Amino acid sequence: MTVSDLKLKLFRQIDSLEKDRLEELYGVFLNYINGKKDLGDWNELTEEQKKGIVEAIDEIDAGKGIPHSKVIASIRKKYTNA
């Protein structure tokens, strides 16, 4: 597969996503891109911290997370109606 083929395939898959999934993908993509710059930080974490992060990622992948938009809406409602 050429680079152009790969880009086109990615574009088509991304283009077909619903808004919520697209926002999730954007966050994952930014984390991936920005993470390449900070690999040294991972190595400075304790094994317990690394395990916690991996478990959190697994929970999100399993659909057990709360979308960012819902968390923000809840916090805004709580603190703007206080």
C-alpha atoms as a PDB file:
ATOM      1  CA  MET A   1       0.000   0.000   0.000  1.00  0.00           C
ATOM      2  CA  THR A   2       1.415   3.384  -0.954  1.00  0.00           C
ATOM      3  CA  VAL A   3       1.429   6.394   1.333  1.00  0.00           C
ATOM      4  CA  SER A   4      -1.289   7.979  -0.816  1.00  0.00           C
ATOM      5  CA  ASP A   5      -3.435   4.841  -0.570  1.00  0.00           C
ATOM      6  CA  LEU A   6      -3.014   4.763   3.183  1.00  0.00           C
ATOM      7  CA  LYS A   7      -3.943   8.443   3.554  1.00  0.00           C
ATOM      8  CA  LEU A   8      -7.022   7.971   1.375  1.00  0.00           C
ATOM      9  CA  LYS A   9      -8.106   4.916   3.355  1.00  0.00           C
ATOM     10  CA  LEU A  10      -7.683   6.812   6.640  1.00  0.00           C
ATOM     11  CA  PHE A  11      -9.569   9.804   5.276  1.00  0.00           C
ATOM     12  CA  ARG A  12     -12.498   7.660   4.172  1.00  0.00           C
ATOM     13  CA  GLN A  13     -12.713   5.912   7.522  1.00  0.00           C
ATOM     14  CA  ILE A  14     -12.489   9.192   9.429  1.00  0.00           C
ATOM     15  CA  ASP A  15     -15.008  10.859   7.136  1.00  0.00           C
ATOM     16  CA  SER A  16     -17.608   8.199   7.940  1.00  0.00           C
ATOM     17  CA  LEU A  17     -17.408   8.659  11.728  1.00  0.00           C
ATOM     18  CA  GLU A  18     -20.212  10.176  13.778  1.00  0.00           C
ATOM     19  CA  LYS A  19     -19.383  13.401  15.644  1.00  0.00           C
ATOM     20  CA  ASP A  20     -18.788  11.754  19.049  1.00  0.00           C
ATOM     21  CA  ARG A  21     -16.469   9.113  17.606  1.00  0.00           C
ATOM     22  CA  LEU A  22     -14.647  11.760  15.572  1.00  0.00           C
ATOM     23  CA  GLU A  23     -14.030  13.806  18.711  1.00  0.00           C
ATOM     24  CA  GLU A  24     -12.704  10.701  20.477  1.00  0.00           C
ATOM     25  CA  LEU A  25     -10.410   9.934  17.570  1.00  0.00           C
ATOM     26  CA  TYR A  26      -9.151  13.504  17.527  1.00  0.00           C
ATOM     27  CA  GLY A  27      -8.182  13.219  21.204  1.00  0.00           C
ATOM     28  CA  VAL A  28      -6.448   9.892  20.639  1.00  0.00           C
ATOM     29  CA  PHE A  29      -4.663  11.298  17.600  1.00  0.00           C
ATOM     30  CA  LEU A  30      -3.413  14.353  19.502  1.00  0.00           C
ATOM     31  CA  ASN A  31      -2.245  12.180  22.367  1.00  0.00           C
ATOM     32  CA  TYR A  32      -0.405   9.943  19.933  1.00  0.00           C
ATOM     33  CA  ILE A  33       1.268  12.844  18.126  1.00  0.00           C
ATOM     34  CA  ASN A  34       2.160  14.703  21.317  1.00  0.00           C
ATOM     35  CA  GLY A  35       3.190  11.507  23.081  1.00  0.00           C
ATOM     36  CA  LYS A  36       5.977  10.902  20.608  1.00  0.00           C
ATOM     37  CA  LYS A  37       7.686  13.965  22.045  1.00  0.00           C
ATOM     38  CA  ASP A  38       7.363  12.917  25.682  1.00  0.00           C
ATOM     39  CA  LEU A  39       8.334   9.245  25.808  1.00  0.00           C
ATOM     40  CA  GLY A  40      10.872  10.064  28.492  1.00  0.00           C
ATOM     41  CA  ASP A  41       8.044  10.992  30.856  1.00  0.00           C
ATOM     42  CA  TRP A  42       6.632   7.466  30.621  1.00  0.00           C
ATOM     43  CA  ASN A  43       9.954   6.037  31.736  1.00  0.00           C
ATOM     44  CA  GLU A  44       9.916   8.252  34.822  1.00  0.00           C
ATOM     45  CA  LEU A  45       6.591   6.839  36.051  1.00  0.00           C
ATOM     46  CA  THR A  46       6.435   4.131  38.688  1.00  0.00           C
ATOM     47  CA  GLU A  47       5.171   0.700  37.691  1.00  0.00           C
ATOM     48  CA  GLU A  48       2.006   1.385  39.691  1.00  0.00           C
ATOM     49  CA  GLN A  49       1.383   4.611  37.744  1.00  0.00           C
ATOM     50  CA  LYS A  50       1.981   2.861  34.421  1.00  0.00           C
ATOM     51  CA  LYS A  51      -0.393   0.068  35.413  1.00  0.00           C
ATOM     52  CA  GLY A  52      -3.082   2.590  36.354  1.00  0.00           C
ATOM     53  CA  ILE A  53      -2.781   4.364  33.022  1.00  0.00           C
ATOM     54  CA  VAL A  54      -2.950   1.114  31.066  1.00  0.00           C
ATOM     55  CA  GLU A  55      -6.004   0.002  33.070  1.00  0.00           C
ATOM     56  CA  ALA A  56      -7.704   3.351  32.415  1.00  0.00           C
ATOM     57  CA  ILE A  57      -7.055   3.051  28.688  1.00  0.00           C
ATOM     58  CA  ASP A  58      -8.462  -0.489  28.723  1.00  0.00           C
ATOM     59  CA  GLU A  59     -11.608   0.746  30.488  1.00  0.00           C
ATOM     60  CA  ILE A  60     -12.084   3.508  27.926  1.00  0.00           C
ATOM     61  CA  ASP A  61     -11.557   1.046  25.083  1.00  0.00           C
ATOM     62  CA  ALA A  62     -14.239  -1.156  26.679  1.00  0.00           C
ATOM     63  CA  GLY A  63     -16.692   1.764  26.640  1.00  0.00           C
ATOM     64  CA  LYS A  64     -16.633   2.321  30.390  1.00  0.00           C
ATOM     65  CA  GLY A  65     -15.480   5.940  30.200  1.00  0.00           C
ATOM     66  CA  ILE A  66     -17.508   9.126  30.453  1.00  0.00           C
ATOM     67  CA  PRO A  67     -17.244  11.374  27.406  1.00  0.00           C
ATOM     68  CA  HIS A  68     -15.466  14.679  27.987  1.00  0.00           C
ATOM     69  CA  SER A  69     -18.514  16.640  26.825  1.00  0.00           C
ATOM     70  CA  LYS A  70     -20.684  15.026  29.531  1.00  0.00           C
ATOM     71  CA  VAL A  71     -18.131  15.696  32.270  1.00  0.00           C
ATOM     72  CA  ILE A  72     -17.809  19.344  31.255  1.00  0.00           C
ATOM     73  CA  ALA A  73     -21.597  19.760  31.003  1.00  0.00           C
ATOM     74  CA  SER A  74     -22.018  18.279  34.481  1.00  0.00           C
ATOM     75  CA  ILE A  75     -19.382  20.558  35.988  1.00  0.00           C
ATOM     76  CA  ARG A  76     -20.789  23.637  34.255  1.00  0.00           C
ATOM     77  CA  LYS A  77     -24.270  22.804  35.502  1.00  0.00           C
ATOM     78  CA  LYS A  78     -23.024  22.241  39.040  1.00  0.00           C
ATOM     79  CA  TYR A  79     -21.014  25.441  39.289  1.00  0.00           C
ATOM     80  CA  THR A  80     -23.154  27.826  37.258  1.00  0.00           C
ATOM     81  CA  ASN A  81     -26.312  26.975  39.239  1.00  0.00           C
ATOM     82  CA  ALA A  82     -24.622  27.203  42.643  1.00  0.00           C
END
